[in-house]
Amino acid sequence: MITEYDFELPRGYVDANGNVHRKGKMRLATAGDEISATRDPRVLSNPSYLTVVVLAKVITEMEGMEAIVPNIVERFFTADLAFLQDMYQRINDVEPPTMTVVCPKCGEVHEVPINFTREG
């Protein structure tokens, strides 16, 4: 069973030194991740902050960064945040993430796994 997925952000996180970080990994969420996020004081005072706290828990790596914490996630560009929210929904769904595609040569329809990296 796959529990961690690679991704590449559409824009990338720009750190204080101007370095852009695009590639990372996200793991499947646990019930504990979501429960502890709802108890976070920032979420209690602003429920829309839940997404930021949960993503900080499940993003396990970003290239060239030591750790991902909520104050980093809140500085992601909105396109990247939307991308990560979509990815979170897809990988934590009951079914593994797939996409319906049509073969350009034969016209057959196939279900293929989604690869969140650009190379895939």
N, C-alpha and C. Protein backbone atom coordinates (compact mmCIF):
# COMPACT_ATOMS: atom_id res chain seq x y z
N MET A 1 0.85 -1.18 0.00
CA MET A 1 0.00 0.00 0.00
C MET A 1 0.89 1.24 0.00
N ILE A 2 0.57 2.18 -0.85
CA ILE A 2 1.31 3.43 -0.91
C ILE A 2 0.77 4.37 0.16
N THR A 3 1.66 4.91 0.99
CA THR A 3 1.23 5.83 2.05
C THR A 3 1.83 7.22 1.88
N GLU A 4 2.74 7.38 0.92
CA GLU A 4 3.38 8.68 0.70
C GLU A 4 3.46 8.94 -0.80
N TYR A 5 3.15 10.17 -1.20
CA TYR A 5 3.08 10.54 -2.61
C TYR A 5 3.97 11.74 -2.89
N ASP A 6 4.69 11.68 -4.00
CA ASP A 6 5.50 12.80 -4.47
C ASP A 6 4.60 13.84 -5.11
N PHE A 7 5.02 15.09 -5.04
CA PHE A 7 4.30 16.15 -5.75
C PHE A 7 5.29 17.20 -6.23
N GLU A 8 4.80 18.02 -7.16
CA GLU A 8 5.54 19.19 -7.61
C GLU A 8 4.55 20.35 -7.69
N LEU A 9 4.81 21.38 -6.90
CA LEU A 9 3.91 22.53 -6.84
C LEU A 9 3.92 23.30 -8.17
N PRO A 10 2.77 23.82 -8.57
CA PRO A 10 2.72 24.58 -9.83
C PRO A 10 3.57 25.85 -9.80
N ARG A 11 3.61 26.54 -8.68
CA ARG A 11 4.40 27.78 -8.56
C ARG A 11 5.64 27.58 -7.70
N GLY A 12 5.47 27.01 -6.54
CA GLY A 12 6.58 26.77 -5.63
C GLY A 12 6.62 27.75 -4.48
N TYR A 13 7.11 27.27 -3.37
CA TYR A 13 7.26 28.10 -2.17
C TYR A 13 8.57 28.89 -2.28
N VAL A 14 8.51 30.19 -2.09
CA VAL A 14 9.70 31.04 -2.14
C VAL A 14 10.09 31.36 -0.69
N ASP A 15 11.28 30.90 -0.29
CA ASP A 15 11.72 31.14 1.08
C ASP A 15 12.31 32.54 1.25
N ALA A 16 12.75 32.85 2.46
CA ALA A 16 13.26 34.19 2.78
C ALA A 16 14.50 34.56 1.97
N ASN A 17 15.22 33.56 1.46
CA ASN A 17 16.42 33.81 0.64
C ASN A 17 16.11 33.88 -0.85
N GLY A 18 14.84 33.74 -1.21
CA GLY A 18 14.46 33.78 -2.62
C GLY A 18 14.55 32.44 -3.33
N ASN A 19 14.88 31.37 -2.59
CA ASN A 19 14.94 30.04 -3.19
C ASN A 19 13.52 29.51 -3.40
N VAL A 20 13.30 28.84 -4.53
CA VAL A 20 12.00 28.27 -4.84
C VAL A 20 12.04 26.77 -4.57
N HIS A 21 11.05 26.30 -3.81
CA HIS A 21 10.94 24.88 -3.45
C HIS A 21 9.65 24.34 -4.06
N ARG A 22 9.77 23.37 -4.96
CA ARG A 22 8.59 22.84 -5.66
C ARG A 22 8.29 21.39 -5.31
N LYS A 23 9.31 20.56 -5.21
CA LYS A 23 9.09 19.13 -5.03
C LYS A 23 8.95 18.78 -3.55
N GLY A 24 8.06 17.83 -3.30
CA GLY A 24 7.87 17.39 -1.93
C GLY A 24 7.14 16.07 -1.87
N LYS A 25 6.78 15.69 -0.64
CA LYS A 25 6.05 14.44 -0.40
C LYS A 25 4.93 14.71 0.58
N MET A 26 3.82 14.04 0.34
CA MET A 26 2.67 14.11 1.24
C MET A 26 2.29 12.68 1.61
N ARG A 27 2.04 12.48 2.90
CA ARG A 27 1.61 11.15 3.35
C ARG A 27 0.10 11.14 3.56
N LEU A 28 -0.43 9.94 3.64
CA LEU A 28 -1.84 9.80 3.97
C LEU A 28 -2.11 10.39 5.35
N ALA A 29 -3.26 10.97 5.53
CA ALA A 29 -3.64 11.54 6.82
C ALA A 29 -4.16 10.44 7.73
N THR A 30 -3.99 10.66 9.02
CA THR A 30 -4.56 9.77 10.02
C THR A 30 -5.71 10.48 10.71
N ALA A 31 -6.52 9.72 11.42
CA ALA A 31 -7.59 10.33 12.21
C ALA A 31 -6.99 11.29 13.22
N GLY A 32 -5.85 10.92 13.79
CA GLY A 32 -5.18 11.77 14.77
C GLY A 32 -4.75 13.11 14.20
N ASP A 33 -4.33 13.11 12.93
CA ASP A 33 -3.96 14.37 12.28
C ASP A 33 -5.14 15.33 12.27
N GLU A 34 -6.27 14.83 11.87
CA GLU A 34 -7.43 15.70 11.74
C GLU A 34 -7.99 16.10 13.11
N ILE A 35 -7.98 15.16 14.06
CA ILE A 35 -8.48 15.48 15.40
C ILE A 35 -7.59 16.51 16.08
N SER A 36 -6.28 16.30 16.04
CA SER A 36 -5.38 17.25 16.71
C SER A 36 -5.43 18.63 16.04
N ALA A 37 -5.64 18.65 14.73
CA ALA A 37 -5.74 19.94 14.03
C ALA A 37 -6.97 20.72 14.50
N THR A 38 -8.07 20.03 14.77
CA THR A 38 -9.27 20.74 15.21
C THR A 38 -9.11 21.31 16.62
N ARG A 39 -8.14 20.81 17.37
CA ARG A 39 -7.88 21.30 18.73
C ARG A 39 -6.84 22.41 18.77
N ASP A 40 -6.20 22.67 17.63
CA ASP A 40 -5.17 23.71 17.56
C ASP A 40 -5.80 25.07 17.87
N PRO A 41 -5.17 25.87 18.74
CA PRO A 41 -5.75 27.17 19.11
C PRO A 41 -6.00 28.09 17.91
N ARG A 42 -5.14 28.02 16.88
CA ARG A 42 -5.33 28.86 15.70
C ARG A 42 -6.59 28.45 14.94
N VAL A 43 -6.90 27.15 14.94
CA VAL A 43 -8.11 26.66 14.28
C VAL A 43 -9.34 27.01 15.11
N LEU A 44 -9.21 26.92 16.43
CA LEU A 44 -10.34 27.26 17.30
C LEU A 44 -10.75 28.72 17.14
N SER A 45 -9.77 29.59 16.91
CA SER A 45 -10.11 31.00 16.74
C SER A 45 -10.43 31.36 15.28
N ASN A 46 -10.02 30.51 14.33
CA ASN A 46 -10.27 30.76 12.91
C ASN A 46 -10.39 29.41 12.20
N PRO A 47 -11.60 28.85 12.08
CA PRO A 47 -11.78 27.52 11.49
C PRO A 47 -11.20 27.35 10.09
N SER A 48 -11.07 28.41 9.32
CA SER A 48 -10.51 28.28 7.98
C SER A 48 -9.01 27.94 8.02
N TYR A 49 -8.40 28.06 9.19
CA TYR A 49 -6.98 27.72 9.35
C TYR A 49 -6.76 26.21 9.42
N LEU A 50 -7.83 25.42 9.50
CA LEU A 50 -7.73 23.96 9.59
C LEU A 50 -6.91 23.38 8.44
N THR A 51 -7.16 23.84 7.23
CA THR A 51 -6.42 23.34 6.06
C THR A 51 -4.93 23.53 6.23
N VAL A 52 -4.52 24.68 6.71
CA VAL A 52 -3.10 25.00 6.89
C VAL A 52 -2.46 24.04 7.89
N VAL A 53 -3.13 23.81 9.01
CA VAL A 53 -2.58 22.94 10.06
C VAL A 53 -2.51 21.49 9.58
N VAL A 54 -3.56 21.02 8.93
CA VAL A 54 -3.55 19.63 8.45
C VAL A 54 -2.47 19.44 7.40
N LEU A 55 -2.35 20.36 6.44
CA LEU A 55 -1.31 20.21 5.41
C LEU A 55 0.09 20.22 6.02
N ALA A 56 0.30 21.04 7.04
CA ALA A 56 1.62 21.06 7.70
C ALA A 56 1.92 19.72 8.35
N LYS A 57 0.91 18.99 8.77
CA LYS A 57 1.11 17.68 9.38
C LYS A 57 1.42 16.60 8.35
N VAL A 58 0.78 16.67 7.18
CA VAL A 58 0.91 15.57 6.21
C VAL A 58 1.98 15.79 5.14
N ILE A 59 2.47 17.02 4.98
CA ILE A 59 3.59 17.24 4.05
C ILE A 59 4.85 16.83 4.80
N THR A 60 5.45 15.75 4.35
CA THR A 60 6.60 15.19 5.07
C THR A 60 7.93 15.75 4.59
N GLU A 61 7.96 16.27 3.38
CA GLU A 61 9.21 16.81 2.82
C GLU A 61 8.92 17.89 1.81
N MET A 62 9.84 18.85 1.75
CA MET A 62 9.90 19.81 0.65
C MET A 62 11.39 19.95 0.36
N GLU A 63 11.75 19.87 -0.91
CA GLU A 63 13.16 19.91 -1.28
C GLU A 63 13.87 21.10 -0.64
N GLY A 64 15.00 20.82 0.00
CA GLY A 64 15.83 21.87 0.57
C GLY A 64 15.31 22.50 1.84
N MET A 65 14.28 21.92 2.46
CA MET A 65 13.73 22.48 3.69
C MET A 65 13.80 21.45 4.81
N GLU A 66 14.06 21.94 6.02
CA GLU A 66 14.17 21.02 7.15
C GLU A 66 12.82 20.53 7.65
N ALA A 67 11.84 21.40 7.73
CA ALA A 67 10.53 21.02 8.26
C ALA A 67 9.45 21.91 7.65
N ILE A 68 8.24 21.38 7.65
CA ILE A 68 7.09 22.15 7.18
C ILE A 68 6.21 22.42 8.40
N VAL A 69 5.97 23.68 8.66
CA VAL A 69 5.15 24.10 9.79
C VAL A 69 4.04 25.02 9.25
N PRO A 70 2.98 25.22 10.03
CA PRO A 70 1.87 26.02 9.53
C PRO A 70 2.25 27.40 8.99
N ASN A 71 3.20 28.10 9.63
CA ASN A 71 3.51 29.45 9.12
C ASN A 71 4.18 29.40 7.75
N ILE A 72 4.74 28.27 7.36
CA ILE A 72 5.26 28.11 5.99
C ILE A 72 4.09 27.85 5.03
N VAL A 73 3.20 26.94 5.41
CA VAL A 73 2.05 26.62 4.55
C VAL A 73 1.21 27.86 4.28
N GLU A 74 1.06 28.73 5.27
CA GLU A 74 0.24 29.92 5.05
C GLU A 74 0.89 30.90 4.08
N ARG A 75 2.16 30.73 3.78
CA ARG A 75 2.84 31.59 2.80
C ARG A 75 2.91 30.97 1.40
N PHE A 76 2.29 29.79 1.21
CA PHE A 76 2.22 29.21 -0.13
C PHE A 76 1.32 30.09 -1.00
N PHE A 77 1.63 30.15 -2.28
CA PHE A 77 0.76 30.84 -3.22
C PHE A 77 -0.58 30.11 -3.26
N THR A 78 -1.66 30.82 -3.57
CA THR A 78 -2.99 30.20 -3.55
C THR A 78 -3.10 29.05 -4.56
N ALA A 79 -2.42 29.15 -5.69
CA ALA A 79 -2.45 28.05 -6.67
C ALA A 79 -1.84 26.79 -6.07
N ASP A 80 -0.76 26.95 -5.30
CA ASP A 80 -0.11 25.80 -4.66
C ASP A 80 -0.98 25.23 -3.54
N LEU A 81 -1.62 26.10 -2.78
CA LEU A 81 -2.50 25.64 -1.71
C LEU A 81 -3.67 24.86 -2.30
N ALA A 82 -4.26 25.36 -3.38
CA ALA A 82 -5.36 24.66 -4.04
C ALA A 82 -4.90 23.30 -4.57
N PHE A 83 -3.71 23.26 -5.15
CA PHE A 83 -3.14 22.02 -5.65
C PHE A 83 -3.00 21.01 -4.52
N LEU A 84 -2.44 21.44 -3.38
CA LEU A 84 -2.23 20.54 -2.25
C LEU A 84 -3.55 20.10 -1.62
N GLN A 85 -4.53 20.98 -1.56
CA GLN A 85 -5.85 20.59 -1.05
C GLN A 85 -6.48 19.51 -1.93
N ASP A 86 -6.36 19.69 -3.25
CA ASP A 86 -6.88 18.71 -4.19
C ASP A 86 -6.15 17.38 -4.03
N MET A 87 -4.84 17.44 -3.92
CA MET A 87 -4.05 16.23 -3.76
C MET A 87 -4.44 15.51 -2.46
N TYR A 88 -4.58 16.27 -1.38
CA TYR A 88 -4.97 15.70 -0.09
C TYR A 88 -6.30 14.95 -0.23
N GLN A 89 -7.26 15.57 -0.88
CA GLN A 89 -8.57 14.93 -1.08
C GLN A 89 -8.42 13.65 -1.89
N ARG A 90 -7.64 13.72 -2.95
CA ARG A 90 -7.50 12.55 -3.83
C ARG A 90 -6.80 11.39 -3.14
N ILE A 91 -5.69 11.64 -2.46
CA ILE A 91 -4.94 10.51 -1.88
C ILE A 91 -5.61 9.95 -0.64
N ASN A 92 -6.43 10.75 0.03
CA ASN A 92 -7.10 10.25 1.23
C ASN A 92 -8.48 9.70 0.93
N ASP A 93 -8.85 9.68 -0.33
CA ASP A 93 -10.10 9.07 -0.75
C ASP A 93 -9.97 7.56 -0.56
N VAL A 94 -11.10 6.85 -0.57
CA VAL A 94 -11.08 5.40 -0.36
C VAL A 94 -10.34 4.70 -1.50
N GLU A 95 -10.56 5.14 -2.70
CA GLU A 95 -9.90 4.55 -3.87
C GLU A 95 -8.57 5.23 -4.13
N PRO A 96 -7.56 4.48 -4.63
CA PRO A 96 -6.31 5.15 -5.01
C PRO A 96 -6.58 6.17 -6.11
N PRO A 97 -5.83 7.28 -6.13
CA PRO A 97 -6.10 8.30 -7.14
C PRO A 97 -5.79 7.81 -8.55
N THR A 98 -6.79 7.92 -9.43
CA THR A 98 -6.62 7.53 -10.83
C THR A 98 -7.26 8.58 -11.71
N MET A 99 -6.98 8.45 -13.00
CA MET A 99 -7.55 9.37 -13.98
C MET A 99 -7.96 8.54 -15.19
N THR A 100 -9.07 8.89 -15.79
CA THR A 100 -9.51 8.23 -17.01
C THR A 100 -8.82 8.92 -18.19
N VAL A 101 -8.16 8.12 -19.02
CA VAL A 101 -7.45 8.66 -20.18
C VAL A 101 -7.83 7.86 -21.42
N VAL A 102 -7.63 8.48 -22.57
CA VAL A 102 -7.90 7.82 -23.84
C VAL A 102 -6.57 7.68 -24.58
N CYS A 103 -6.27 6.48 -25.01
CA CYS A 103 -5.03 6.22 -25.76
C CYS A 103 -5.11 6.97 -27.09
N PRO A 104 -4.10 7.81 -27.37
CA PRO A 104 -4.13 8.58 -28.63
C PRO A 104 -3.97 7.70 -29.88
N LYS A 105 -3.42 6.48 -29.73
CA LYS A 105 -3.22 5.61 -30.90
C LYS A 105 -4.43 4.74 -31.19
N CYS A 106 -4.96 4.07 -30.14
CA CYS A 106 -6.04 3.11 -30.39
C CYS A 106 -7.42 3.60 -29.96
N GLY A 107 -7.46 4.69 -29.18
CA GLY A 107 -8.74 5.22 -28.74
C GLY A 107 -9.36 4.52 -27.54
N GLU A 108 -8.66 3.53 -26.99
CA GLU A 108 -9.19 2.83 -25.81
C GLU A 108 -9.13 3.71 -24.57
N VAL A 109 -10.11 3.53 -23.69
CA VAL A 109 -10.19 4.27 -22.44
C VAL A 109 -9.53 3.43 -21.35
N HIS A 110 -8.66 4.06 -20.53
CA HIS A 110 -7.95 3.37 -19.45
C HIS A 110 -8.03 4.19 -18.18
N GLU A 111 -7.95 3.51 -17.04
CA GLU A 111 -7.78 4.16 -15.74
C GLU A 111 -6.31 4.05 -15.38
N VAL A 112 -5.65 5.18 -15.16
CA VAL A 112 -4.22 5.15 -14.80
C VAL A 112 -4.00 5.90 -13.48
N PRO A 113 -2.99 5.47 -12.71
CA PRO A 113 -2.70 6.18 -11.45
C PRO A 113 -2.25 7.61 -11.72
N ILE A 114 -2.62 8.51 -10.82
CA ILE A 114 -2.22 9.91 -10.96
C ILE A 114 -0.83 10.06 -10.39
N ASN A 115 0.02 10.74 -11.13
CA ASN A 115 1.37 11.07 -10.71
C ASN A 115 1.40 12.58 -10.54
N PHE A 116 1.67 13.07 -9.32
CA PHE A 116 1.62 14.50 -9.06
C PHE A 116 2.89 15.23 -9.45
N THR A 117 3.85 14.55 -10.07
CA THR A 117 5.06 15.22 -10.52
C THR A 117 4.93 15.58 -11.99
N ARG A 118 5.69 16.56 -12.43
CA ARG A 118 5.62 16.97 -13.83
C ARG A 118 6.21 15.92 -14.76
N GLU A 119 7.22 15.18 -14.29
CA GLU A 119 7.88 14.20 -15.14
C GLU A 119 6.93 13.07 -15.53
N GLY A 120 5.95 12.78 -14.66
CA GLY A 120 5.07 11.62 -14.86
C GLY A 120 4.11 11.84 -15.95
